Amino acid sequence: FVATIGLNGDHYYDEAVKGRFTISRDS
């Protein structure tokens, strides 16, 4: 697992990438 993003933009990252990676979505 690397990252996840929910319907309202809530997100969570694996500690290995936290602070370096950013997940986003365009519905």
mmCIF file of all heavy atoms, coordinates in Angstrom:
data_MODEL
# 
_entry.id   MODEL 
# 
loop_
_atom_site.group_PDB 
_atom_site.id 
_atom_site.type_symbol 
_atom_site.label_atom_id 
_atom_site.label_alt_id 
_atom_site.label_comp_id 
_atom_site.label_asym_id 
_atom_site.label_entity_id 
_atom_site.label_seq_id 
_atom_site.pdbx_PDB_ins_code 
_atom_site.Cartn_x 
_atom_site.Cartn_y 
_atom_site.Cartn_z 
_atom_site.occupancy 
_atom_site.B_iso_or_equiv 
_atom_site.pdbx_formal_charge 
_atom_site.auth_seq_id 
_atom_site.auth_comp_id 
_atom_site.auth_asym_id 
_atom_site.auth_atom_id 
_atom_site.pdbx_PDB_model_num 
ATOM 1   N N   . PHE A 1 1  ? 0.820   -1.197 0.000   1.00 0.00 ? 1  PHE A N   1 
ATOM 2   C CA  . PHE A 1 1  ? 0.000   0.000  0.000   1.00 0.00 ? 1  PHE A CA  1 
ATOM 3   C C   . PHE A 1 1  ? 0.861   1.258  0.000   1.00 0.00 ? 1  PHE A C   1 
ATOM 4   O O   . PHE A 1 1  ? 1.876   1.327  0.685   1.00 0.00 ? 1  PHE A O   1 
ATOM 5   C CB  . PHE A 1 1  ? -0.912  -0.004 1.230   1.00 0.00 ? 1  PHE A CB  1 
ATOM 6   C CG  . PHE A 1 1  ? -1.622  1.295  1.463   1.00 0.00 ? 1  PHE A CG  1 
ATOM 7   C CD1 . PHE A 1 1  ? -2.741  1.634  0.726   1.00 0.00 ? 1  PHE A CD1 1 
ATOM 8   C CD2 . PHE A 1 1  ? -1.167  2.181  2.425   1.00 0.00 ? 1  PHE A CD2 1 
ATOM 9   C CE1 . PHE A 1 1  ? -3.399  2.831  0.935   1.00 0.00 ? 1  PHE A CE1 1 
ATOM 10  C CE2 . PHE A 1 1  ? -1.816  3.383  2.647   1.00 0.00 ? 1  PHE A CE2 1 
ATOM 11  C CZ  . PHE A 1 1  ? -2.936  3.703  1.898   1.00 0.00 ? 1  PHE A CZ  1 
ATOM 12  N N   . VAL A 1 2  ? 0.436   2.265  -0.773  1.00 0.00 ? 2  VAL A N   1 
ATOM 13  C CA  . VAL A 1 2  ? 1.145   3.541  -0.841  1.00 0.00 ? 2  VAL A CA  1 
ATOM 14  C C   . VAL A 1 2  ? 0.293   4.679  -0.302  1.00 0.00 ? 2  VAL A C   1 
ATOM 15  O O   . VAL A 1 2  ? 0.701   5.404  0.602   1.00 0.00 ? 2  VAL A O   1 
ATOM 16  C CB  . VAL A 1 2  ? 1.594   3.859  -2.279  1.00 0.00 ? 2  VAL A CB  1 
ATOM 17  C CG1 . VAL A 1 2  ? 2.235   5.252  -2.338  1.00 0.00 ? 2  VAL A CG1 1 
ATOM 18  C CG2 . VAL A 1 2  ? 2.566   2.806  -2.782  1.00 0.00 ? 2  VAL A CG2 1 
ATOM 19  N N   . ALA A 1 3  ? -0.907  4.841  -0.861  1.00 0.00 ? 3  ALA A N   1 
ATOM 20  C CA  . ALA A 1 3  ? -1.753  5.962  -0.472  1.00 0.00 ? 3  ALA A CA  1 
ATOM 21  C C   . ALA A 1 3  ? -3.199  5.691  -0.848  1.00 0.00 ? 3  ALA A C   1 
ATOM 22  O O   . ALA A 1 3  ? -3.478  4.918  -1.763  1.00 0.00 ? 3  ALA A O   1 
ATOM 23  C CB  . ALA A 1 3  ? -1.279  7.264  -1.130  1.00 0.00 ? 3  ALA A CB  1 
ATOM 24  N N   . THR A 1 4  ? -4.114  6.346  -0.152  1.00 0.00 ? 4  THR A N   1 
ATOM 25  C CA  . THR A 1 4  ? -5.538  6.235  -0.452  1.00 0.00 ? 4  THR A CA  1 
ATOM 26  C C   . THR A 1 4  ? -6.193  7.598  -0.304  1.00 0.00 ? 4  THR A C   1 
ATOM 27  O O   . THR A 1 4  ? -5.721  8.444  0.470   1.00 0.00 ? 4  THR A O   1 
ATOM 28  C CB  . THR A 1 4  ? -6.238  5.213  0.467   1.00 0.00 ? 4  THR A CB  1 
ATOM 29  O OG1 . THR A 1 4  ? -7.601  5.047  0.075   1.00 0.00 ? 4  THR A OG1 1 
ATOM 30  C CG2 . THR A 1 4  ? -6.196  5.681  1.921   1.00 0.00 ? 4  THR A CG2 1 
ATOM 31  N N   . ILE A 1 5  ? -7.271  7.811  -1.032  1.00 0.00 ? 5  ILE A N   1 
ATOM 32  C CA  . ILE A 1 5  ? -8.035  9.045  -0.937  1.00 0.00 ? 5  ILE A CA  1 
ATOM 33  C C   . ILE A 1 5  ? -9.516  8.710  -1.015  1.00 0.00 ? 5  ILE A C   1 
ATOM 34  O O   . ILE A 1 5  ? -9.951  7.912  -1.852  1.00 0.00 ? 5  ILE A O   1 
ATOM 35  C CB  . ILE A 1 5  ? -7.621  10.062 -2.021  1.00 0.00 ? 5  ILE A CB  1 
ATOM 36  C CG1 . ILE A 1 5  ? -8.342  11.397 -1.824  1.00 0.00 ? 5  ILE A CG1 1 
ATOM 37  C CG2 . ILE A 1 5  ? -7.862  9.507  -3.422  1.00 0.00 ? 5  ILE A CG2 1 
ATOM 38  C CD1 . ILE A 1 5  ? -7.748  12.527 -2.659  1.00 0.00 ? 5  ILE A CD1 1 
ATOM 39  N N   . GLY A 1 6  ? -10.302 9.315  -0.131  1.00 0.00 ? 6  GLY A N   1 
ATOM 40  C CA  . GLY A 1 6  ? -11.729 9.067  -0.070  1.00 0.00 ? 6  GLY A CA  1 
ATOM 41  C C   . GLY A 1 6  ? -12.529 10.033 -0.915  1.00 0.00 ? 6  GLY A C   1 
ATOM 42  O O   . GLY A 1 6  ? -11.990 10.882 -1.626  1.00 0.00 ? 6  GLY A O   1 
ATOM 43  N N   . LEU A 1 7  ? -13.840 9.918  -0.806  1.00 0.00 ? 7  LEU A N   1 
ATOM 44  C CA  . LEU A 1 7  ? -14.737 10.721 -1.631  1.00 0.00 ? 7  LEU A CA  1 
ATOM 45  C C   . LEU A 1 7  ? -14.628 12.212 -1.342  1.00 0.00 ? 7  LEU A C   1 
ATOM 46  O O   . LEU A 1 7  ? -14.774 13.036 -2.250  1.00 0.00 ? 7  LEU A O   1 
ATOM 47  C CB  . LEU A 1 7  ? -16.181 10.266 -1.432  1.00 0.00 ? 7  LEU A CB  1 
ATOM 48  C CG  . LEU A 1 7  ? -16.528 8.879  -1.962  1.00 0.00 ? 7  LEU A CG  1 
ATOM 49  C CD1 . LEU A 1 7  ? -17.938 8.491  -1.540  1.00 0.00 ? 7  LEU A CD1 1 
ATOM 50  C CD2 . LEU A 1 7  ? -16.401 8.841  -3.475  1.00 0.00 ? 7  LEU A CD2 1 
ATOM 51  N N   . ASN A 1 8  ? -14.405 12.571 -0.092  1.00 0.00 ? 8  ASN A N   1 
ATOM 52  C CA  . ASN A 1 8  ? -14.325 13.975 0.289   1.00 0.00 ? 8  ASN A CA  1 
ATOM 53  C C   . ASN A 1 8  ? -12.896 14.492 0.366   1.00 0.00 ? 8  ASN A C   1 
ATOM 54  O O   . ASN A 1 8  ? -12.649 15.574 0.895   1.00 0.00 ? 8  ASN A O   1 
ATOM 55  C CB  . ASN A 1 8  ? -15.043 14.218 1.619   1.00 0.00 ? 8  ASN A CB  1 
ATOM 56  C CG  . ASN A 1 8  ? -14.417 13.457 2.764   1.00 0.00 ? 8  ASN A CG  1 
ATOM 57  O OD1 . ASN A 1 8  ? -13.477 12.699 2.578   1.00 0.00 ? 8  ASN A OD1 1 
ATOM 58  N ND2 . ASN A 1 8  ? -14.952 13.659 3.957   1.00 0.00 ? 8  ASN A ND2 1 
ATOM 59  N N   . GLY A 1 9  ? -11.948 13.718 -0.151  1.00 0.00 ? 9  GLY A N   1 
ATOM 60  C CA  . GLY A 1 9  ? -10.567 14.145 -0.167  1.00 0.00 ? 9  GLY A CA  1 
ATOM 61  C C   . GLY A 1 9  ? -9.732  13.683 1.010   1.00 0.00 ? 9  GLY A C   1 
ATOM 62  O O   . GLY A 1 9  ? -8.525  13.978 1.049   1.00 0.00 ? 9  GLY A O   1 
ATOM 63  N N   . ASP A 1 10 ? -10.329 13.001 1.972   1.00 0.00 ? 10 ASP A N   1 
ATOM 64  C CA  . ASP A 1 10 ? -9.554  12.453 3.084   1.00 0.00 ? 10 ASP A CA  1 
ATOM 65  C C   . ASP A 1 10 ? -8.512  11.488 2.547   1.00 0.00 ? 10 ASP A C   1 
ATOM 66  O O   . ASP A 1 10 ? -8.789  10.699 1.639   1.00 0.00 ? 10 ASP A O   1 
ATOM 67  C CB  . ASP A 1 10 ? -10.465 11.740 4.073   1.00 0.00 ? 10 ASP A CB  1 
ATOM 68  C CG  . ASP A 1 10 ? -11.396 12.686 4.797   1.00 0.00 ? 10 ASP A CG  1 
ATOM 69  O OD1 . ASP A 1 10 ? -11.123 13.902 4.803   1.00 0.00 ? 10 ASP A OD1 1 
ATOM 70  O OD2 . ASP A 1 10 ? -12.406 12.218 5.356   1.00 0.00 ? 10 ASP A OD2 1 
ATOM 71  N N   . HIS A 1 11 ? -7.329  11.535 3.115   1.00 0.00 ? 11 HIS A N   1 
ATOM 72  C CA  . HIS A 1 11 ? -6.242  10.721 2.585   1.00 0.00 ? 11 HIS A CA  1 
ATOM 73  C C   . HIS A 1 11 ? -5.393  10.105 3.689   1.00 0.00 ? 11 HIS A C   1 
ATOM 74  O O   . HIS A 1 11 ? -5.371  10.580 4.825   1.00 0.00 ? 11 HIS A O   1 
ATOM 75  C CB  . HIS A 1 11 ? -5.350  11.552 1.663   1.00 0.00 ? 11 HIS A CB  1 
ATOM 76  C CG  . HIS A 1 11 ? -4.954  12.884 2.247   1.00 0.00 ? 11 HIS A CG  1 
ATOM 77  N ND1 . HIS A 1 11 ? -3.986  13.021 3.211   1.00 0.00 ? 11 HIS A ND1 1 
ATOM 78  C CD2 . HIS A 1 11 ? -5.419  14.133 1.996   1.00 0.00 ? 11 HIS A CD2 1 
ATOM 79  C CE1 . HIS A 1 11 ? -3.848  14.299 3.529   1.00 0.00 ? 11 HIS A CE1 1 
ATOM 80  N NE2 . HIS A 1 11 ? -4.702  14.990 2.808   1.00 0.00 ? 11 HIS A NE2 1 
ATOM 81  N N   . TYR A 1 12 ? -4.697  9.050  3.318   1.00 0.00 ? 12 TYR A N   1 
ATOM 82  C CA  . TYR A 1 12 ? -3.801  8.352  4.229   1.00 0.00 ? 12 TYR A CA  1 
ATOM 83  C C   . TYR A 1 12 ? -2.628  7.816  3.432   1.00 0.00 ? 12 TYR A C   1 
ATOM 84  O O   . TYR A 1 12 ? -2.793  7.351  2.302   1.00 0.00 ? 12 TYR A O   1 
ATOM 85  C CB  . TYR A 1 12 ? -4.527  7.198  4.942   1.00 0.00 ? 12 TYR A CB  1 
ATOM 86  C CG  . TYR A 1 12 ? -3.634  6.409  5.855   1.00 0.00 ? 12 TYR A CG  1 
ATOM 87  C CD1 . TYR A 1 12 ? -3.326  6.876  7.124   1.00 0.00 ? 12 TYR A CD1 1 
ATOM 88  C CD2 . TYR A 1 12 ? -3.087  5.203  5.439   1.00 0.00 ? 12 TYR A CD2 1 
ATOM 89  C CE1 . TYR A 1 12 ? -2.494  6.162  7.961   1.00 0.00 ? 12 TYR A CE1 1 
ATOM 90  C CE2 . TYR A 1 12 ? -2.250  4.479  6.270   1.00 0.00 ? 12 TYR A CE2 1 
ATOM 91  C CZ  . TYR A 1 12 ? -1.957  4.967  7.531   1.00 0.00 ? 12 TYR A CZ  1 
ATOM 92  O OH  . TYR A 1 12 ? -1.126  4.264  8.362   1.00 0.00 ? 12 TYR A OH  1 
ATOM 93  N N   . TYR A 1 13 ? -1.423  7.867  4.024   1.00 0.00 ? 13 TYR A N   1 
ATOM 94  C CA  . TYR A 1 13 ? -0.210  7.438  3.351   1.00 0.00 ? 13 TYR A CA  1 
ATOM 95  C C   . TYR A 1 13 ? 0.545   6.411  4.174   1.00 0.00 ? 13 TYR A C   1 
ATOM 96  O O   . TYR A 1 13 ? 0.532   6.450  5.410   1.00 0.00 ? 13 TYR A O   1 
ATOM 97  C CB  . TYR A 1 13 ? 0.723   8.625  3.108   1.00 0.00 ? 13 TYR A CB  1 
ATOM 98  C CG  . TYR A 1 13 ? 0.128   9.736  2.280   1.00 0.00 ? 13 TYR A CG  1 
ATOM 99  C CD1 . TYR A 1 13 ? -0.534  10.800 2.878   1.00 0.00 ? 13 TYR A CD1 1 
ATOM 100 C CD2 . TYR A 1 13 ? 0.243   9.723  0.894   1.00 0.00 ? 13 TYR A CD2 1 
ATOM 101 C CE1 . TYR A 1 13 ? -1.071  11.825 2.116   1.00 0.00 ? 13 TYR A CE1 1 
ATOM 102 C CE2 . TYR A 1 13 ? -0.291  10.745 0.134   1.00 0.00 ? 13 TYR A CE2 1 
ATOM 103 C CZ  . TYR A 1 13 ? -0.944  11.796 0.746   1.00 0.00 ? 13 TYR A CZ  1 
ATOM 104 O OH  . TYR A 1 13 ? -1.468  12.808 -0.016  1.00 0.00 ? 13 TYR A OH  1 
ATOM 105 N N   . ASP A 1 14 ? 1.228   5.528  3.480   1.00 0.00 ? 14 ASP A N   1 
ATOM 106 C CA  . ASP A 1 14 ? 2.189   4.676  4.139   1.00 0.00 ? 14 ASP A CA  1 
ATOM 107 C C   . ASP A 1 14 ? 3.320   5.540  4.683   1.00 0.00 ? 14 ASP A C   1 
ATOM 108 O O   . ASP A 1 14 ? 3.689   6.558  4.080   1.00 0.00 ? 14 ASP A O   1 
ATOM 109 C CB  . ASP A 1 14 ? 2.740   3.637  3.161   1.00 0.00 ? 14 ASP A CB  1 
ATOM 110 C CG  . ASP A 1 14 ? 3.762   2.725  3.804   1.00 0.00 ? 14 ASP A CG  1 
ATOM 111 O OD1 . ASP A 1 14 ? 3.359   1.829  4.564   1.00 0.00 ? 14 ASP A OD1 1 
ATOM 112 O OD2 . ASP A 1 14 ? 4.969   2.909  3.540   1.00 0.00 ? 14 ASP A OD2 1 
ATOM 113 N N   . GLU A 1 15 ? 3.881   5.151  5.818   1.00 0.00 ? 15 GLU A N   1 
ATOM 114 C CA  . GLU A 1 15 ? 4.919   5.948  6.460   1.00 0.00 ? 15 GLU A CA  1 
ATOM 115 C C   . GLU A 1 15 ? 6.148   6.137  5.575   1.00 0.00 ? 15 GLU A C   1 
ATOM 116 O O   . GLU A 1 15 ? 6.834   7.149  5.692   1.00 0.00 ? 15 GLU A O   1 
ATOM 117 C CB  . GLU A 1 15 ? 5.329   5.312  7.789   1.00 0.00 ? 15 GLU A CB  1 
ATOM 118 C CG  . GLU A 1 15 ? 4.281   5.426  8.884   1.00 0.00 ? 15 GLU A CG  1 
ATOM 119 C CD  . GLU A 1 15 ? 4.000   6.857  9.260   1.00 0.00 ? 15 GLU A CD  1 
ATOM 120 O OE1 . GLU A 1 15 ? 4.953   7.667  9.284   1.00 0.00 ? 15 GLU A OE1 1 
ATOM 121 O OE2 . GLU A 1 15 ? 2.831   7.186  9.538   1.00 0.00 ? 15 GLU A OE2 1 
ATOM 122 N N   . ALA A 1 16 ? 6.408   5.212  4.676   1.00 0.00 ? 16 ALA A N   1 
ATOM 123 C CA  . ALA A 1 16 ? 7.578   5.310  3.818   1.00 0.00 ? 16 ALA A CA  1 
ATOM 124 C C   . ALA A 1 16 ? 7.501   6.472  2.827   1.00 0.00 ? 16 ALA A C   1 
ATOM 125 O O   . ALA A 1 16 ? 8.531   6.936  2.337   1.00 0.00 ? 16 ALA A O   1 
ATOM 126 C CB  . ALA A 1 16 ? 7.792   3.996  3.064   1.00 0.00 ? 16 ALA A CB  1 
ATOM 127 N N   . VAL A 1 17 ? 6.288   6.937  2.523   1.00 0.00 ? 17 VAL A N   1 
ATOM 128 C CA  . VAL A 1 17 ? 6.124   8.001  1.536   1.00 0.00 ? 17 VAL A CA  1 
ATOM 129 C C   . VAL A 1 17 ? 5.513   9.260  2.131   1.00 0.00 ? 17 VAL A C   1 
ATOM 130 O O   . VAL A 1 17 ? 5.428   10.286 1.446   1.00 0.00 ? 17 VAL A O   1 
ATOM 131 C CB  . VAL A 1 17 ? 5.266   7.530  0.342   1.00 0.00 ? 17 VAL A CB  1 
ATOM 132 C CG1 . VAL A 1 17 ? 5.836   6.253  -0.257  1.00 0.00 ? 17 VAL A CG1 1 
ATOM 133 C CG2 . VAL A 1 17 ? 3.814   7.318  0.765   1.00 0.00 ? 17 VAL A CG2 1 
ATOM 134 N N   . LYS A 1 18 ? 5.105   9.214  3.367   1.00 0.00 ? 18 LYS A N   1 
ATOM 135 C CA  . LYS A 1 18 ? 4.458   10.347 4.013   1.00 0.00 ? 18 LYS A CA  1 
ATOM 136 C C   . LYS A 1 18 ? 5.360   11.575 4.004   1.00 0.00 ? 18 LYS A C   1 
ATOM 137 O O   . LYS A 1 18 ? 6.533   11.498 4.357   1.00 0.00 ? 18 LYS A O   1 
ATOM 138 C CB  . LYS A 1 18 ? 4.078   9.975  5.444   1.00 0.00 ? 18 LYS A CB  1 
ATOM 139 C CG  . LYS A 1 18 ? 3.067   10.898 6.092   1.00 0.00 ? 18 LYS A CG  1 
ATOM 140 C CD  . LYS A 1 18 ? 2.611   10.332 7.429   1.00 0.00 ? 18 LYS A CD  1 
ATOM 141 C CE  . LYS A 1 18 ? 1.500   11.143 8.042   1.00 0.00 ? 18 LYS A CE  1 
ATOM 142 N NZ  . LYS A 1 18 ? 1.044   10.556 9.325   1.00 0.00 ? 18 LYS A NZ  1 
ATOM 143 N N   . GLY A 1 19 ? 4.805   12.708 3.574   1.00 0.00 ? 19 GLY A N   1 
ATOM 144 C CA  . GLY A 1 19 ? 5.561   13.940 3.479   1.00 0.00 ? 19 GLY A CA  1 
ATOM 145 C C   . GLY A 1 19 ? 6.218   14.152 2.130   1.00 0.00 ? 19 GLY A C   1 
ATOM 146 O O   . GLY A 1 19 ? 6.644   15.272 1.830   1.00 0.00 ? 19 GLY A O   1 
ATOM 147 N N   . ARG A 1 20 ? 6.311   13.110 1.327   1.00 0.00 ? 20 ARG A N   1 
ATOM 148 C CA  . ARG A 1 20 ? 6.926   13.206 0.007   1.00 0.00 ? 20 ARG A CA  1 
ATOM 149 C C   . ARG A 1 20 ? 5.916   13.023 -1.126  1.00 0.00 ? 20 ARG A C   1 
ATOM 150 O O   . ARG A 1 20 ? 6.063   13.626 -2.184  1.00 0.00 ? 20 ARG A O   1 
ATOM 151 C CB  . ARG A 1 20 ? 8.042   12.173 -0.153  1.00 0.00 ? 20 ARG A CB  1 
ATOM 152 C CG  . ARG A 1 20 ? 9.172   12.329 0.852   1.00 0.00 ? 20 ARG A CG  1 
ATOM 153 C CD  . ARG A 1 20 ? 10.319  11.368 0.554   1.00 0.00 ? 20 ARG A CD  1 
ATOM 154 N NE  . ARG A 1 20 ? 9.905   9.969  0.661   1.00 0.00 ? 20 ARG A NE  1 
ATOM 155 C CZ  . ARG A 1 20 ? 9.948   9.098  -0.337  1.00 0.00 ? 20 ARG A CZ  1 
ATOM 156 N NH1 . ARG A 1 20 ? 10.399  9.470  -1.531  1.00 0.00 ? 20 ARG A NH1 1 
ATOM 157 N NH2 . ARG A 1 20 ? 9.569   7.838  -0.148  1.00 0.00 ? 20 ARG A NH2 1 
ATOM 158 N N   . PHE A 1 21 ? 4.926   12.176 -0.912  1.00 0.00 ? 21 PHE A N   1 
ATOM 159 C CA  . PHE A 1 21 ? 3.919   11.886 -1.933  1.00 0.00 ? 21 PHE A CA  1 
ATOM 160 C C   . PHE A 1 21 ? 2.606   12.574 -1.584  1.00 0.00 ? 21 PHE A C   1 
ATOM 161 O O   . PHE A 1 21 ? 2.259   12.723 -0.408  1.00 0.00 ? 21 PHE A O   1 
ATOM 162 C CB  . PHE A 1 21 ? 3.657   10.380 -2.038  1.00 0.00 ? 21 PHE A CB  1 
ATOM 163 C CG  . PHE A 1 21 ? 4.798   9.576  -2.612  1.00 0.00 ? 21 PHE A CG  1 
ATOM 164 C CD1 . PHE A 1 21 ? 6.046   10.129 -2.817  1.00 0.00 ? 21 PHE A CD1 1 
ATOM 165 C CD2 . PHE A 1 21 ? 4.593   8.246  -2.948  1.00 0.00 ? 21 PHE A CD2 1 
ATOM 166 C CE1 . PHE A 1 21 ? 7.089   9.384  -3.338  1.00 0.00 ? 21 PHE A CE1 1 
ATOM 167 C CE2 . PHE A 1 21 ? 5.628   7.488  -3.473  1.00 0.00 ? 21 PHE A CE2 1 
ATOM 168 C CZ  . PHE A 1 21 ? 6.872   8.050  -3.669  1.00 0.00 ? 21 PHE A CZ  1 
ATOM 169 N N   . THR A 1 22 ? 1.859   12.959 -2.611  1.00 0.00 ? 22 THR A N   1 
ATOM 170 C CA  . THR A 1 22 ? 0.550   13.561 -2.431  1.00 0.00 ? 22 THR A CA  1 
ATOM 171 C C   . THR A 1 22 ? -0.443  12.901 -3.375  1.00 0.00 ? 22 THR A C   1 
ATOM 172 O O   . THR A 1 22 ? -0.223  12.871 -4.582  1.00 0.00 ? 22 THR A O   1 
ATOM 173 C CB  . THR A 1 22 ? 0.576   15.070 -2.692  1.00 0.00 ? 22 THR A CB  1 
ATOM 174 O OG1 . THR A 1 22 ? 1.521   15.703 -1.821  1.00 0.00 ? 22 THR A OG1 1 
ATOM 175 C CG2 . THR A 1 22 ? -0.810  15.671 -2.447  1.00 0.00 ? 22 THR A CG2 1 
ATOM 176 N N   . ILE A 1 23 ? -1.535  12.391 -2.818  1.00 0.00 ? 23 ILE A N   1 
ATOM 177 C CA  . ILE A 1 23 ? -2.581  11.787 -3.628  1.00 0.00 ? 23 ILE A CA  1 
ATOM 178 C C   . ILE A 1 23 ? -3.719  12.786 -3.787  1.00 0.00 ? 23 ILE A C   1 
ATOM 179 O O   . ILE A 1 23 ? -4.046  13.530 -2.860  1.00 0.00 ? 23 ILE A O   1 
ATOM 180 C CB  . ILE A 1 23 ? -3.085  10.463 -2.999  1.00 0.00 ? 23 ILE A CB  1 
ATOM 181 C CG1 . ILE A 1 23 ? -4.047  9.744  -3.952  1.00 0.00 ? 23 ILE A CG1 1 
ATOM 182 C CG2 . ILE A 1 23 ? -3.724  10.700 -1.645  1.00 0.00 ? 23 ILE A CG2 1 
ATOM 183 C CD1 . ILE A 1 23 ? -4.397  8.331  -3.507  1.00 0.00 ? 23 ILE A CD1 1 
ATOM 184 N N   . SER A 1 24 ? -4.321  12.818 -4.970  1.00 0.00 ? 24 SER A N   1 
ATOM 185 C CA  . SER A 1 24 ? -5.436  13.701 -5.240  1.00 0.00 ? 24 SER A CA  1 
ATOM 186 C C   . SER A 1 24 ? -6.371  13.032 -6.238  1.00 0.00 ? 24 SER A C   1 
ATOM 187 O O   . SER A 1 24 ? -6.010  12.041 -6.877  1.00 0.00 ? 24 SER A O   1 
ATOM 188 C CB  . SER A 1 24 ? -4.958  15.060 -5.769  1.00 0.00 ? 24 SER A CB  1 
ATOM 189 O OG  . SER A 1 24 ? -4.246  14.911 -6.988  1.00 0.00 ? 24 SER A OG  1 
ATOM 190 N N   . ARG A 1 25 ? -7.570  13.581 -6.366  1.00 0.00 ? 25 ARG A N   1 
ATOM 191 C CA  . ARG A 1 25 ? -8.537  13.013 -7.301  1.00 0.00 ? 25 ARG A CA  1 
ATOM 192 C C   . ARG A 1 25 ? -9.349  14.111 -7.965  1.00 0.00 ? 25 ARG A C   1 
ATOM 193 O O   . ARG A 1 25 ? -9.529  15.204 -7.421  1.00 0.00 ? 25 ARG A O   1 
ATOM 194 C CB  . ARG A 1 25 ? -9.470  12.015 -6.595  1.00 0.00 ? 25 ARG A CB  1 
ATOM 195 C CG  . ARG A 1 25 ? -10.370 12.627 -5.534  1.00 0.00 ? 25 ARG A CG  1 
ATOM 196 C CD  . ARG A 1 25 ? -11.060 11.543 -4.708  1.00 0.00 ? 25 ARG A CD  1 
ATOM 197 N NE  . ARG A 1 25 ? -12.035 10.792 -5.495  1.00 0.00 ? 25 ARG A NE  1 
ATOM 198 C CZ  . ARG A 1 25 ? -12.588 9.646  -5.094  1.00 0.00 ? 25 ARG A CZ  1 
ATOM 199 N NH1 . ARG A 1 25 ? -12.236 9.112  -3.926  1.00 0.00 ? 25 ARG A NH1 1 
ATOM 200 N NH2 . ARG A 1 25 ? -13.480 9.025  -5.862  1.00 0.00 ? 25 ARG A NH2 1 
ATOM 201 N N   . ASP A 1 26 ? -9.840  13.814 -9.162  1.00 0.00 ? 26 ASP A N   1 
ATOM 202 C CA  . ASP A 1 26 ? -10.696 14.705 -9.915  1.00 0.00 ? 26 ASP A CA  1 
ATOM 203 C C   . ASP A 1 26 ? -11.937 13.903 -10.283 1.00 0.00 ? 26 ASP A C   1 
ATOM 204 O O   . ASP A 1 26 ? -11.911 13.107 -11.222 1.00 0.00 ? 26 ASP A O   1 
ATOM 205 C CB  . ASP A 1 26 ? -9.992  15.232 -11.161 1.00 0.00 ? 26 ASP A CB  1 
ATOM 206 C CG  . ASP A 1 26 ? -10.811 16.257 -11.917 1.00 0.00 ? 26 ASP A CG  1 
ATOM 207 O OD1 . ASP A 1 26 ? -12.036 16.328 -11.716 1.00 0.00 ? 26 ASP A OD1 1 
ATOM 208 O OD2 . ASP A 1 26 ? -10.225 17.006 -12.721 1.00 0.00 ? 26 ASP A OD2 1 
ATOM 209 N N   . SER A 1 27 ? -13.017 14.113 -9.544  1.00 0.00 ? 27 SER A N   1 
ATOM 210 C CA  . SER A 1 27 ? -14.223 13.312 -9.735  1.00 0.00 ? 27 SER A CA  1 
ATOM 211 C C   . SER A 1 27 ? -14.881 13.553 -11.085 1.00 0.00 ? 27 SER A C   1 
ATOM 212 O O   . SER A 1 27 ? -15.505 12.646 -11.640 1.00 0.00 ? 27 SER A O   1 
ATOM 213 C CB  . SER A 1 27 ? -15.221 13.605 -8.610  1.00 0.00 ? 27 SER A CB  1 
ATOM 214 O OG  . SER A 1 27 ? -14.701 13.205 -7.358  1.00 0.00 ? 27 SER A OG  1 
# 
